[in-house]
């Protein structure tokens, strides 16, 4: 079974856990501060090019987050969140190709809609993207802030505890292995539990 399959199975199981939650308390969802812990499945990949195969790796680890949620109109809400995901991973291939990624941390906004069954939201933010990639004898290293985009859903289990499932992705264009705009990307699926203060 490939690493991409393990990553997809993690996401499918996480979605199943949330969608089978039979006691969602959407009406109990409230404004205020929250914080929590999560299981984070991360996958990294480089684009395939002439004579250079796609390289990828994945990891399951932990993350933490804290934020503030505020309803802005009717059932619409906005939330601001700071987070950290342990996405650090390092893999070296037999021909010398290498993928090395650091821990992801940043801030993001959730723009969403709350219904009786729970909520859905879009994610927009910025996070650290730290990588060291070697392909076909060429190496590129970078550490900086990159935009992130994603989608999420949340279920209020009771007045104080909620579960959330999110996907966020980010990437960069790099000049490596004879191509000036080869892509490198990082995707994170996060299944978390939050406590509402």
C-alpha atoms as a PDB file:
ATOM      1  CA  UNK A   1       0.000   0.000   0.000  1.00  0.00           C
ATOM      2  CA  UNK A   2       1.501   3.374  -1.049  1.00  0.00           C
ATOM      3  CA  UNK A   3       2.056   6.341   1.244  1.00  0.00           C
ATOM      4  CA  UNK A   4      -0.564   8.332  -0.698  1.00  0.00           C
ATOM      5  CA  UNK A   5      -3.075   5.573   0.055  1.00  0.00           C
ATOM      6  CA  UNK A   6      -2.282   5.734   3.782  1.00  0.00           C
ATOM      7  CA  UNK A   7      -2.783   9.510   3.701  1.00  0.00           C
ATOM      8  CA  UNK A   8      -6.122   9.155   1.849  1.00  0.00           C
ATOM      9  CA  UNK A   9      -7.302   6.475   4.295  1.00  0.00           C
ATOM     10  CA  UNK A  10      -6.469   8.749   7.240  1.00  0.00           C
ATOM     11  CA  UNK A  11      -8.640  11.481   5.720  1.00  0.00           C
ATOM     12  CA  UNK A  12     -11.496   9.057   4.981  1.00  0.00           C
ATOM     13  CA  UNK A  13     -11.500   7.672   8.535  1.00  0.00           C
ATOM     14  CA  UNK A  14     -11.429  11.182   9.995  1.00  0.00           C
ATOM     15  CA  UNK A  15     -14.390  12.240   7.836  1.00  0.00           C
ATOM     16  CA  UNK A  16     -16.315   9.104   8.832  1.00  0.00           C
ATOM     17  CA  UNK A  17     -15.738   9.782  12.529  1.00  0.00           C
ATOM     18  CA  UNK A  18     -17.140  13.291  12.277  1.00  0.00           C
ATOM     19  CA  UNK A  19     -20.060  12.531   9.981  1.00  0.00           C
ATOM     20  CA  UNK A  20     -21.259   9.667  12.191  1.00  0.00           C
ATOM     21  CA  UNK A  21     -21.310  11.838  15.316  1.00  0.00           C
ATOM     22  CA  UNK A  22     -24.926  11.476  16.320  1.00  0.00           C
ATOM     23  CA  UNK A  23     -25.029  14.096  19.057  1.00  0.00           C
ATOM     24  CA  UNK A  24     -23.949  17.297  17.338  1.00  0.00           C
ATOM     25  CA  UNK A  25     -25.031  20.337  19.340  1.00  0.00           C
ATOM     26  CA  UNK A  26     -24.954  23.067  16.714  1.00  0.00           C
ATOM     27  CA  UNK A  27     -27.282  25.260  18.772  1.00  0.00           C
ATOM     28  CA  UNK A  28     -24.779  25.167  21.660  1.00  0.00           C
ATOM     29  CA  UNK A  29     -22.012  26.610  19.511  1.00  0.00           C
ATOM     30  CA  UNK A  30     -21.034  29.975  20.919  1.00  0.00           C
ATOM     31  CA  UNK A  31     -18.716  32.906  20.535  1.00  0.00           C
ATOM     32  CA  UNK A  32     -15.502  32.992  22.483  1.00  0.00           C
ATOM     33  CA  UNK A  33     -12.057  31.529  22.961  1.00  0.00           C
ATOM     34  CA  UNK A  34     -11.195  27.893  22.278  1.00  0.00           C
ATOM     35  CA  UNK A  35      -8.058  25.721  22.281  1.00  0.00           C
ATOM     36  CA  UNK A  36      -7.322  22.133  21.409  1.00  0.00           C
ATOM     37  CA  UNK A  37      -5.119  19.277  20.258  1.00  0.00           C
ATOM     38  CA  UNK A  38      -5.215  17.362  16.994  1.00  0.00           C
ATOM     39  CA  UNK A  39      -3.969  14.420  14.998  1.00  0.00           C
ATOM     40  CA  UNK A  40      -2.338  15.824  11.853  1.00  0.00           C
ATOM     41  CA  UNK A  41      -1.636  13.818   8.725  1.00  0.00           C
ATOM     42  CA  UNK A  42       0.773  15.653   6.430  1.00  0.00           C
ATOM     43  CA  UNK A  43       1.944  14.880   2.932  1.00  0.00           C
ATOM     44  CA  UNK A  44       4.714  16.528   0.896  1.00  0.00           C
ATOM     45  CA  UNK A  45       5.376  16.218  -2.815  1.00  0.00           C
ATOM     46  CA  UNK A  46       7.451  17.625  -5.660  1.00  0.00           C
ATOM     47  CA  UNK A  47       6.325  17.916  -9.238  1.00  0.00           C
ATOM     48  CA  UNK A  48       7.494  15.392 -11.840  1.00  0.00           C
ATOM     49  CA  UNK A  49       9.753  16.727 -14.592  1.00  0.00           C
ATOM     50  CA  UNK A  50      11.860  15.618 -17.542  1.00  0.00           C
ATOM     51  CA  UNK A  51      14.028  12.788 -16.229  1.00  0.00           C
ATOM     52  CA  UNK A  52      13.028  13.563 -12.634  1.00  0.00           C
ATOM     53  CA  UNK A  53      10.243  11.512 -10.981  1.00  0.00           C
ATOM     54  CA  UNK A  54       7.738  12.962  -8.544  1.00  0.00           C
ATOM     55  CA  UNK A  55       8.949  12.604  -4.967  1.00  0.00           C
ATOM     56  CA  UNK A  56       6.589  12.377  -1.997  1.00  0.00           C
ATOM     57  CA  UNK A  57       6.391  11.432   1.655  1.00  0.00           C
ATOM     58  CA  UNK A  58       3.778  11.460   4.427  1.00  0.00           C
ATOM     59  CA  UNK A  59       3.583  11.456   8.213  1.00  0.00           C
ATOM     60  CA  UNK A  60       0.983  11.255  10.982  1.00  0.00           C
ATOM     61  CA  UNK A  61       1.740  13.345  14.052  1.00  0.00           C
ATOM     62  CA  UNK A  62       0.153  15.885  16.405  1.00  0.00           C
ATOM     63  CA  UNK A  63      -0.811  19.546  16.404  1.00  0.00           C
ATOM     64  CA  UNK A  64      -2.217  22.240  18.674  1.00  0.00           C
ATOM     65  CA  UNK A  65      -4.371  25.314  18.092  1.00  0.00           C
ATOM     66  CA  UNK A  66      -6.088  28.219  19.844  1.00  0.00           C
ATOM     67  CA  UNK A  67      -8.507  30.813  18.552  1.00  0.00           C
ATOM     68  CA  UNK A  68     -11.528  33.038  18.932  1.00  0.00           C
ATOM     69  CA  UNK A  69     -14.893  32.594  17.175  1.00  0.00           C
ATOM     70  CA  UNK A  70     -17.471  35.339  16.588  1.00  0.00           C
ATOM     71  CA  UNK A  71     -20.848  35.229  14.810  1.00  0.00           C
ATOM     72  CA  UNK A  72     -21.105  38.193  12.458  1.00  0.00           C
ATOM     73  CA  UNK A  73     -24.560  37.900  10.872  1.00  0.00           C
ATOM     74  CA  UNK A  74     -27.365  35.355  11.295  1.00  0.00           C
ATOM     75  CA  UNK A  75     -25.653  31.943  10.987  1.00  0.00           C
ATOM     76  CA  UNK A  76     -22.402  33.274   9.530  1.00  0.00           C
ATOM     77  CA  UNK A  77     -19.248  33.438  11.631  1.00  0.00           C
ATOM     78  CA  UNK A  78     -15.572  34.315  11.505  1.00  0.00           C
ATOM     79  CA  UNK A  79     -12.791  32.844  13.629  1.00  0.00           C
ATOM     80  CA  UNK A  80      -9.132  33.651  13.995  1.00  0.00           C
ATOM     81  CA  UNK A  81      -6.733  30.875  14.965  1.00  0.00           C
ATOM     82  CA  UNK A  82      -3.039  30.343  15.706  1.00  0.00           C
ATOM     83  CA  UNK A  83      -1.790  26.788  15.136  1.00  0.00           C
ATOM     84  CA  UNK A  84       1.203  24.488  14.987  1.00  0.00           C
ATOM     85  CA  UNK A  85       1.407  21.118  13.190  1.00  0.00           C
ATOM     86  CA  UNK A  86       4.361  18.753  13.491  1.00  0.00           C
ATOM     87  CA  UNK A  87       4.926  18.309   9.761  1.00  0.00           C
ATOM     88  CA  UNK A  88       8.689  17.771  10.108  1.00  0.00           C
ATOM     89  CA  UNK A  89       9.838  14.884   7.947  1.00  0.00           C
ATOM     90  CA  UNK A  90      12.981  13.823   6.099  1.00  0.00           C
ATOM     91  CA  UNK A  91      13.382  11.223   3.372  1.00  0.00           C
ATOM     92  CA  UNK A  92      16.383  10.376   1.219  1.00  0.00           C
ATOM     93  CA  UNK A  93      16.017   8.261  -1.935  1.00  0.00           C
ATOM     94  CA  UNK A  94      18.551   5.767  -3.326  1.00  0.00           C
ATOM     95  CA  UNK A  95      19.702   8.159  -6.092  1.00  0.00           C
ATOM     96  CA  UNK A  96      20.386  10.988  -3.610  1.00  0.00           C
ATOM     97  CA  UNK A  97      17.095  12.850  -4.024  1.00  0.00           C
ATOM     98  CA  UNK A  98      15.904  14.207  -0.678  1.00  0.00           C
ATOM     99  CA  UNK A  99      12.797  15.800   0.846  1.00  0.00           C
ATOM    100  CA  UNK A 100      13.094  17.582   4.178  1.00  0.00           C
ATOM    101  CA  UNK A 101      10.265  19.679   5.645  1.00  0.00           C
ATOM    102  CA  UNK A 102      10.065  21.510   8.962  1.00  0.00           C
ATOM    103  CA  UNK A 103       7.268  22.122  11.449  1.00  0.00           C
ATOM    104  CA  UNK A 104       4.335  24.195  10.175  1.00  0.00           C
ATOM    105  CA  UNK A 105       3.010  27.066  12.298  1.00  0.00           C
ATOM    106  CA  UNK A 106       0.948  30.121  11.470  1.00  0.00           C
ATOM    107  CA  UNK A 107      -2.347  31.966  11.702  1.00  0.00           C
ATOM    108  CA  UNK A 108      -5.573  31.520   9.769  1.00  0.00           C
ATOM    109  CA  UNK A 109      -9.106  32.829   9.454  1.00  0.00           C
ATOM    110  CA  UNK A 110     -12.218  30.662   9.240  1.00  0.00           C
ATOM    111  CA  UNK A 111     -15.153  32.119   7.308  1.00  0.00           C
ATOM    112  CA  UNK A 112     -18.149  29.877   7.773  1.00  0.00           C
ATOM    113  CA  UNK A 113     -21.802  29.017   8.053  1.00  0.00           C
ATOM    114  CA  UNK A 114     -23.491  27.229  10.935  1.00  0.00           C
ATOM    115  CA  UNK A 115     -26.514  24.956  10.403  1.00  0.00           C
ATOM    116  CA  UNK A 116     -28.435  22.572  12.682  1.00  0.00           C
ATOM    117  CA  UNK A 117     -26.071  19.697  11.872  1.00  0.00           C
ATOM    118  CA  UNK A 118     -22.848  21.641  12.408  1.00  0.00           C
ATOM    119  CA  UNK A 119     -20.724  24.114  10.497  1.00  0.00           C
ATOM    120  CA  UNK A 120     -18.589  24.387   7.388  1.00  0.00           C
ATOM    121  CA  UNK A 121     -15.949  27.000   6.703  1.00  0.00           C
ATOM    122  CA  UNK A 122     -13.311  28.186   4.272  1.00  0.00           C
ATOM    123  CA  UNK A 123      -9.771  28.729   5.517  1.00  0.00           C
ATOM    124  CA  UNK A 124      -7.360  31.473   4.504  1.00  0.00           C
ATOM    125  CA  UNK A 125      -4.099  32.257   6.266  1.00  0.00           C
ATOM    126  CA  UNK A 126      -0.321  32.246   6.325  1.00  0.00           C
ATOM    127  CA  UNK A 127       2.106  29.670   7.678  1.00  0.00           C
ATOM    128  CA  UNK A 128       5.790  28.844   7.820  1.00  0.00           C
ATOM    129  CA  UNK A 129       6.959  26.736   4.875  1.00  0.00           C
ATOM    130  CA  UNK A 130      10.395  25.312   5.639  1.00  0.00           C
ATOM    131  CA  UNK A 131      11.914  22.862   3.161  1.00  0.00           C
ATOM    132  CA  UNK A 132      15.170  21.482   1.798  1.00  0.00           C
ATOM    133  CA  UNK A 133      14.725  19.626  -1.501  1.00  0.00           C
ATOM    134  CA  UNK A 134      17.356  17.816  -3.591  1.00  0.00           C
ATOM    135  CA  UNK A 135      16.370  16.564  -7.048  1.00  0.00           C
ATOM    136  CA  UNK A 136      18.749  15.181  -9.674  1.00  0.00           C
ATOM    137  CA  UNK A 137      21.772  16.693  -7.914  1.00  0.00           C
ATOM    138  CA  UNK A 138      20.266  20.179  -7.449  1.00  0.00           C
ATOM    139  CA  UNK A 139      19.322  21.484  -3.992  1.00  0.00           C
ATOM    140  CA  UNK A 140      16.953  24.275  -2.959  1.00  0.00           C
ATOM    141  CA  UNK A 141      16.337  25.375   0.628  1.00  0.00           C
ATOM    142  CA  UNK A 142      13.757  27.901   1.789  1.00  0.00           C
ATOM    143  CA  UNK A 143      12.150  29.009   5.031  1.00  0.00           C
ATOM    144  CA  UNK A 144       9.488  31.675   4.887  1.00  0.00           C
ATOM    145  CA  UNK A 145       5.830  32.564   5.157  1.00  0.00           C
ATOM    146  CA  UNK A 146       3.484  31.101   2.554  1.00  0.00           C
ATOM    147  CA  UNK A 147      -0.269  31.527   2.011  1.00  0.00           C
ATOM    148  CA  UNK A 148      -2.497  28.604   3.027  1.00  0.00           C
ATOM    149  CA  UNK A 149      -5.961  27.701   1.775  1.00  0.00           C
ATOM    150  CA  UNK A 150      -8.401  25.034   2.880  1.00  0.00           C
ATOM    151  CA  UNK A 151     -11.789  23.816   4.035  1.00  0.00           C
ATOM    152  CA  UNK A 152     -13.096  22.608   7.384  1.00  0.00           C
ATOM    153  CA  UNK A 153     -16.102  21.370   9.299  1.00  0.00           C
ATOM    154  CA  UNK A 154     -16.873  21.413  13.013  1.00  0.00           C
ATOM    155  CA  UNK A 155     -19.370  19.652  15.294  1.00  0.00           C
ATOM    156  CA  UNK A 156     -20.225  20.828  18.798  1.00  0.00           C
ATOM    157  CA  UNK A 157     -20.232  17.602  20.839  1.00  0.00           C
ATOM    158  CA  UNK A 158     -21.489  19.386  23.955  1.00  0.00           C
ATOM    159  CA  UNK A 159     -21.434  22.902  25.362  1.00  0.00           C
ATOM    160  CA  UNK A 160     -17.691  22.839  26.038  1.00  0.00           C
ATOM    161  CA  UNK A 161     -16.198  20.405  23.504  1.00  0.00           C
ATOM    162  CA  UNK A 162     -16.206  20.366  19.701  1.00  0.00           C
ATOM    163  CA  UNK A 163     -14.578  18.206  17.038  1.00  0.00           C
ATOM    164  CA  UNK A 164     -13.186  19.584  13.813  1.00  0.00           C
ATOM    165  CA  UNK A 165     -11.827  18.231  10.561  1.00  0.00           C
ATOM    166  CA  UNK A 166      -9.763  20.421   8.264  1.00  0.00           C
ATOM    167  CA  UNK A 167      -7.606  20.291   5.167  1.00  0.00           C
ATOM    168  CA  UNK A 168      -5.072  23.032   4.431  1.00  0.00           C
ATOM    169  CA  UNK A 169      -2.586  23.204   1.608  1.00  0.00           C
ATOM    170  CA  UNK A 170       0.351  25.370   0.643  1.00  0.00           C
ATOM    171  CA  UNK A 171       3.198  25.259  -1.832  1.00  0.00           C
ATOM    172  CA  UNK A 172       5.956  27.027  -3.692  1.00  0.00           C
ATOM    173  CA  UNK A 173       7.575  27.196  -7.126  1.00  0.00           C
ATOM    174  CA  UNK A 174      11.262  26.330  -7.145  1.00  0.00           C
ATOM    175  CA  UNK A 175      14.086  26.501  -9.669  1.00  0.00           C
ATOM    176  CA  UNK A 176      15.606  23.022  -9.498  1.00  0.00           C
ATOM    177  CA  UNK A 177      16.728  20.140 -11.710  1.00  0.00           C
ATOM    178  CA  UNK A 178      16.686  22.198 -14.913  1.00  0.00           C
ATOM    179  CA  UNK A 179      13.192  23.623 -14.500  1.00  0.00           C
ATOM    180  CA  UNK A 180      12.451  27.149 -13.277  1.00  0.00           C
ATOM    181  CA  UNK A 181       8.902  26.642 -12.006  1.00  0.00           C
ATOM    182  CA  UNK A 182       8.808  23.141 -10.567  1.00  0.00           C
ATOM    183  CA  UNK A 183       6.212  22.811  -7.794  1.00  0.00           C
ATOM    184  CA  UNK A 184       6.685  21.675  -4.194  1.00  0.00           C
ATOM    185  CA  UNK A 185       3.689  21.316  -1.896  1.00  0.00           C
ATOM    186  CA  UNK A 186       2.564  20.500   1.644  1.00  0.00           C
ATOM    187  CA  UNK A 187      -0.957  19.337   2.560  1.00  0.00           C
ATOM    188  CA  UNK A 188      -2.279  18.744   6.079  1.00  0.00           C
ATOM    189  CA  UNK A 189      -5.434  16.915   7.213  1.00  0.00           C
ATOM    190  CA  UNK A 190      -6.216  17.731  10.848  1.00  0.00           C
ATOM    191  CA  UNK A 191      -8.704  15.968  13.135  1.00  0.00           C
ATOM    192  CA  UNK A 192      -8.974  17.935  16.369  1.00  0.00           C
ATOM    193  CA  UNK A 193     -10.830  18.283  19.649  1.00  0.00           C
ATOM    194  CA  UNK A 194     -11.331  21.768  21.069  1.00  0.00           C
ATOM    195  CA  UNK A 195     -12.355  23.056  24.475  1.00  0.00           C
ATOM    196  CA  UNK A 196     -14.490  26.229  24.519  1.00  0.00           C
ATOM    197  CA  UNK A 197     -13.886  28.612  27.406  1.00  0.00           C
END
